[in-house]
PDB file of N, CA and C in Angstrom:
ATOM      1  N   UNK A   1      29.921 -21.490 -30.778  1.00  0.00           N
ATOM      2  CA  UNK A   1      28.822 -21.700 -29.847  1.00  0.00           C
ATOM      3  C   UNK A   1      28.597 -20.502 -28.940  1.00  0.00           C
ATOM      4  N   UNK A   2      29.692 -19.956 -28.411  1.00  0.00           N
ATOM      5  CA  UNK A   2      29.606 -18.825 -27.482  1.00  0.00           C
ATOM      6  C   UNK A   2      28.991 -17.587 -28.139  1.00  0.00           C
ATOM      7  N   UNK A   3      29.435 -17.322 -29.370  1.00  0.00           N
ATOM      8  CA  UNK A   3      28.945 -16.135 -30.083  1.00  0.00           C
ATOM      9  C   UNK A   3      27.438 -16.247 -30.295  1.00  0.00           C
ATOM     10  N   UNK A   4      26.999 -17.430 -30.718  1.00  0.00           N
ATOM     11  CA  UNK A   4      25.576 -17.668 -30.973  1.00  0.00           C
ATOM     12  C   UNK A   4      24.764 -17.440 -29.693  1.00  0.00           C
ATOM     13  N   UNK A   5      25.233 -18.012 -28.595  1.00  0.00           N
ATOM     14  CA  UNK A   5      24.533 -17.879 -27.313  1.00  0.00           C
ATOM     15  C   UNK A   5      24.454 -16.421 -26.871  1.00  0.00           C
ATOM     16  N   UNK A   6      25.589 -15.720 -26.977  1.00  0.00           N
ATOM     17  CA  UNK A   6      25.643 -14.316 -26.578  1.00  0.00           C
ATOM     18  C   UNK A   6      24.712 -13.469 -27.418  1.00  0.00           C
ATOM     19  N   UNK A   7      24.678 -13.759 -28.716  1.00  0.00           N
ATOM     20  CA  UNK A   7      23.826 -13.008 -29.633  1.00  0.00           C
ATOM     21  C   UNK A   7      22.356 -13.228 -29.298  1.00  0.00           C
ATOM     22  N   UNK A   8      22.000 -14.488 -29.023  1.00  0.00           N
ATOM     23  CA  UNK A   8      20.611 -14.821 -28.704  1.00  0.00           C
ATOM     24  C   UNK A   8      20.167 -14.123 -27.419  1.00  0.00           C
ATOM     25  N   UNK A   9      21.014 -14.177 -26.389  1.00  0.00           N
ATOM     26  CA  UNK A   9      20.656 -13.556 -25.118  1.00  0.00           C
ATOM     27  C   UNK A   9      20.592 -12.034 -25.266  1.00  0.00           C
ATOM     28  N   UNK A  10      21.485 -11.481 -26.088  1.00  0.00           N
ATOM     29  CA  UNK A  10      21.492 -10.034 -26.337  1.00  0.00           C
ATOM     30  C   UNK A  10      20.218  -9.624 -27.075  1.00  0.00           C
ATOM     31  N   UNK A  11      19.840 -10.428 -28.071  1.00  0.00           N
ATOM     32  CA  UNK A  11      18.623 -10.169 -28.844  1.00  0.00           C
ATOM     33  C   UNK A  11      17.395 -10.194 -27.937  1.00  0.00           C
ATOM     34  N   UNK A  12      17.271 -11.237 -27.123  1.00  0.00           N
ATOM     35  CA  UNK A  12      16.114 -11.359 -26.234  1.00  0.00           C
ATOM     36  C   UNK A  12      16.127 -10.246 -25.187  1.00  0.00           C
ATOM     37  N   UNK A  13      17.320  -9.826 -24.788  1.00  0.00           N
ATOM     38  CA  UNK A  13      17.456  -8.722 -23.841  1.00  0.00           C
ATOM     39  C   UNK A  13      16.907  -7.437 -24.431  1.00  0.00           C
ATOM     40  N   UNK A  14      17.226  -7.192 -25.694  1.00  0.00           N
ATOM     41  CA  UNK A  14      16.717  -6.009 -26.403  1.00  0.00           C
ATOM     42  C   UNK A  14      15.195  -6.091 -26.480  1.00  0.00           C
ATOM     43  N   UNK A  15      14.688  -7.270 -26.829  1.00  0.00           N
ATOM     44  CA  UNK A  15      13.239  -7.470 -26.928  1.00  0.00           C
ATOM     45  C   UNK A  15      12.561  -7.206 -25.584  1.00  0.00           C
ATOM     46  N   UNK A  16      13.167  -7.696 -24.513  1.00  0.00           N
ATOM     47  CA  UNK A  16      12.587  -7.526 -23.182  1.00  0.00           C
ATOM     48  C   UNK A  16      12.554  -6.059 -22.779  1.00  0.00           C
ATOM     49  N   UNK A  17      13.538  -5.277 -23.246  1.00  0.00           N
ATOM     50  CA  UNK A  17      13.579  -3.852 -22.918  1.00  0.00           C
ATOM     51  C   UNK A  17      12.596  -3.085 -23.795  1.00  0.00           C
ATOM     52  N   UNK A  18      12.576  -3.406 -25.086  1.00  0.00           N
ATOM     53  CA  UNK A  18      11.755  -2.666 -26.052  1.00  0.00           C
ATOM     54  C   UNK A  18      10.260  -2.852 -25.826  1.00  0.00           C
ATOM     55  N   UNK A  19       9.810  -4.087 -25.704  1.00  0.00           N
ATOM     56  CA  UNK A  19       8.373  -4.367 -25.656  1.00  0.00           C
ATOM     57  C   UNK A  19       7.673  -3.645 -24.502  1.00  0.00           C
ATOM     58  N   UNK A  20       8.131  -3.781 -23.258  1.00  0.00           N
ATOM     59  CA  UNK A  20       7.442  -3.077 -22.174  1.00  0.00           C
ATOM     60  C   UNK A  20       7.456  -1.564 -22.349  1.00  0.00           C
ATOM     61  N   UNK A  21       8.532  -1.011 -22.896  1.00  0.00           N
ATOM     62  CA  UNK A  21       8.633   0.437 -23.115  1.00  0.00           C
ATOM     63  C   UNK A  21       7.537   0.902 -24.065  1.00  0.00           C
ATOM     64  N   UNK A  22       7.327   0.154 -25.143  1.00  0.00           N
ATOM     65  CA  UNK A  22       6.275   0.476 -26.112  1.00  0.00           C
ATOM     66  C   UNK A  22       4.913   0.352 -25.441  1.00  0.00           C
ATOM     67  N   UNK A  23       4.731  -0.729 -24.672  1.00  0.00           N
ATOM     68  CA  UNK A  23       3.466  -0.954 -23.966  1.00  0.00           C
ATOM     69  C   UNK A  23       3.209   0.168 -22.961  1.00  0.00           C
ATOM     70  N   UNK A  24       4.252   0.585 -22.244  1.00  0.00           N
ATOM     71  CA  UNK A  24       4.128   1.655 -21.255  1.00  0.00           C
ATOM     72  C   UNK A  24       3.706   2.952 -21.922  1.00  0.00           C
ATOM     73  N   UNK A  25       4.324   3.270 -23.076  1.00  0.00           N
ATOM     74  CA  UNK A  25       3.968   4.485 -23.815  1.00  0.00           C
ATOM     75  C   UNK A  25       2.508   4.436 -24.227  1.00  0.00           C
ATOM     76  N   UNK A  26       2.070   3.280 -24.714  1.00  0.00           N
ATOM     77  CA  UNK A  26       0.676   3.113 -25.133  1.00  0.00           C
ATOM     78  C   UNK A  26      -0.263   3.274 -23.948  1.00  0.00           C
ATOM     79  N   UNK A  27       0.115   2.682 -22.814  1.00  0.00           N
ATOM     80  CA  UNK A  27      -0.708   2.772 -21.607  1.00  0.00           C
ATOM     81  C   UNK A  27      -0.831   4.217 -21.141  1.00  0.00           C
ATOM     82  N   UNK A  28       0.300   4.932 -21.117  1.00  0.00           N
ATOM     83  CA  UNK A  28       0.308   6.332 -20.678  1.00  0.00           C
ATOM     84  C   UNK A  28      -0.564   7.176 -21.599  1.00  0.00           C
ATOM     85  N   UNK A  29      -0.429   6.973 -22.905  1.00  0.00           N
ATOM     86  CA  UNK A  29      -1.237   7.700 -23.888  1.00  0.00           C
ATOM     87  C   UNK A  29      -2.710   7.390 -23.678  1.00  0.00           C
ATOM     88  N   UNK A  30      -3.010   6.107 -23.487  1.00  0.00           N
ATOM     89  CA  UNK A  30      -4.385   5.651 -23.272  1.00  0.00           C
ATOM     90  C   UNK A  30      -4.982   6.279 -22.014  1.00  0.00           C
ATOM     91  N   UNK A  31      -4.215   6.249 -20.923  1.00  0.00           N
ATOM     92  CA  UNK A  31      -4.679   6.815 -19.656  1.00  0.00           C
ATOM     93  C   UNK A  31      -4.870   8.321 -19.765  1.00  0.00           C
ATOM     94  N   UNK A  32      -3.943   9.001 -20.467  1.00  0.00           N
ATOM     95  CA  UNK A  32      -4.065  10.446 -20.673  1.00  0.00           C
ATOM     96  C   UNK A  32      -5.339  10.781 -21.422  1.00  0.00           C
ATOM     97  N   UNK A  33      -5.663   9.992 -22.434  1.00  0.00           N
ATOM     98  CA  UNK A  33      -6.880  10.203 -23.216  1.00  0.00           C
ATOM     99  C   UNK A  33      -8.112  10.037 -22.334  1.00  0.00           C
ATOM    100  N   UNK A  34      -8.109   9.010 -21.480  1.00  0.00           N
ATOM    101  CA  UNK A  34      -9.233   8.774 -20.564  1.00  0.00           C
ATOM    102  C   UNK A  34      -9.401   9.972 -19.632  1.00  0.00           C
ATOM    103  N   UNK A  35      -8.283  10.453 -19.076  1.00  0.00           N
ATOM    104  CA  UNK A  35      -8.318  11.594 -18.156  1.00  0.00           C
ATOM    105  C   UNK A  35      -8.880  12.827 -18.857  1.00  0.00           C
ATOM    106  N   UNK A  36      -8.403  13.093 -20.082  1.00  0.00           N
ATOM    107  CA  UNK A  36      -8.866  14.258 -20.848  1.00  0.00           C
ATOM    108  C   UNK A  36     -10.360  14.148 -21.142  1.00  0.00           C
ATOM    109  N   UNK A  37     -10.795  12.960 -21.598  1.00  0.00           N
ATOM    110  CA  UNK A  37     -12.212  12.759 -21.915  1.00  0.00           C
ATOM    111  C   UNK A  37     -13.074  12.881 -20.661  1.00  0.00           C
ATOM    112  N   UNK A  38     -12.603  12.315 -19.559  1.00  0.00           N
ATOM    113  CA  UNK A  38     -13.333  12.372 -18.293  1.00  0.00           C
ATOM    114  C   UNK A  38     -13.482  13.823 -17.846  1.00  0.00           C
ATOM    115  N   UNK A  39     -12.399  14.590 -17.993  1.00  0.00           N
ATOM    116  CA  UNK A  39     -12.400  16.007 -17.615  1.00  0.00           C
ATOM    117  C   UNK A  39     -13.392  16.785 -18.477  1.00  0.00           C
ATOM    118  N   UNK A  40     -13.396  16.497 -19.773  1.00  0.00           N
ATOM    119  CA  UNK A  40     -14.332  17.155 -20.690  1.00  0.00           C
ATOM    120  C   UNK A  40     -15.769  16.810 -20.330  1.00  0.00           C
ATOM    121  N   UNK A  41     -16.020  15.545 -20.027  1.00  0.00           N
ATOM    122  CA  UNK A  41     -17.363  15.110 -19.637  1.00  0.00           C
ATOM    123  C   UNK A  41     -17.795  15.779 -18.337  1.00  0.00           C
ATOM    124  N   UNK A  42     -16.873  15.871 -17.377  1.00  0.00           N
ATOM    125  CA  UNK A  42     -17.162  16.510 -16.096  1.00  0.00           C
ATOM    126  C   UNK A  42     -17.490  17.984 -16.291  1.00  0.00           C
ATOM    127  N   UNK A  43     -16.703  18.658 -17.140  1.00  0.00           N
ATOM    128  CA  UNK A  43     -16.944  20.076 -17.434  1.00  0.00           C
ATOM    129  C   UNK A  43     -18.284  20.268 -18.126  1.00  0.00           C
ATOM    130  N   UNK A  44     -18.592  19.377 -19.061  1.00  0.00           N
ATOM    131  CA  UNK A  44     -19.863  19.428 -19.782  1.00  0.00           C
ATOM    132  C   UNK A  44     -21.022  19.221 -18.810  1.00  0.00           C
ATOM    133  N   UNK A  45     -20.872  18.252 -17.910  1.00  0.00           N
ATOM    134  CA  UNK A  45     -21.884  17.949 -16.899  1.00  0.00           C
ATOM    135  C   UNK A  45     -22.138  19.160 -16.003  1.00  0.00           C
ATOM    136  N   UNK A  46     -21.054  19.795 -15.545  1.00  0.00           N
ATOM    137  CA  UNK A  46     -21.169  20.984 -14.697  1.00  0.00           C
ATOM    138  C   UNK A  46     -21.804  22.136 -15.463  1.00  0.00           C
ATOM    139  N   UNK A  47     -21.431  22.282 -16.735  1.00  0.00           N
ATOM    140  CA  UNK A  47     -21.978  23.328 -17.611  1.00  0.00           C
ATOM    141  C   UNK A  47     -23.483  23.156 -17.776  1.00  0.00           C
ATOM    142  N   UNK A  48     -23.916  21.916 -18.018  1.00  0.00           N
ATOM    143  CA  UNK A  48     -25.343  21.602 -18.176  1.00  0.00           C
ATOM    144  C   UNK A  48     -26.089  21.877 -16.868  1.00  0.00           C
ATOM    145  N   UNK A  49     -25.486  21.488 -15.751  1.00  0.00           N
ATOM    146  CA  UNK A  49     -26.103  21.731 -14.441  1.00  0.00           C
ATOM    147  C   UNK A  49     -26.302  23.218 -14.188  1.00  0.00           C
ATOM    148  N   UNK A  50     -25.311  24.031 -14.581  1.00  0.00           N
ATOM    149  CA  UNK A  50     -25.403  25.489 -14.408  1.00  0.00           C
ATOM    150  C   UNK A  50     -26.568  26.047 -15.212  1.00  0.00           C
ATOM    151  N   UNK A  51     -26.749  25.539 -16.426  1.00  0.00           N
ATOM    152  CA  UNK A  51     -27.841  25.998 -17.293  1.00  0.00           C
ATOM    153  C   UNK A  51     -29.191  25.605 -16.679  1.00  0.00           C
ATOM    154  N   UNK A  52     -29.299  24.358 -16.221  1.00  0.00           N
ATOM    155  CA  UNK A  52     -30.549  23.844 -15.653  1.00  0.00           C
ATOM    156  C   UNK A  52     -30.853  24.538 -14.325  1.00  0.00           C
ATOM    157  N   UNK A  53     -29.851  24.647 -13.447  1.00  0.00           N
ATOM    158  CA  UNK A  53     -30.028  25.262 -12.132  1.00  0.00           C
ATOM    159  C   UNK A  53     -29.635  26.721 -12.208  1.00  0.00           C
TER     160      UNK A  53
END
């Protein structure tokens, strides 16, 4: 009984550590992409303004 319980709690512990880490990596990657795209759009906007003005 003890071994089974320990194994189950250990397994769920691993899951609890792994899942948020993967989610965090995805979030960071996602946010980085948004920042890069926003920066590119801002640069493009400024570039267009320079041409017009």
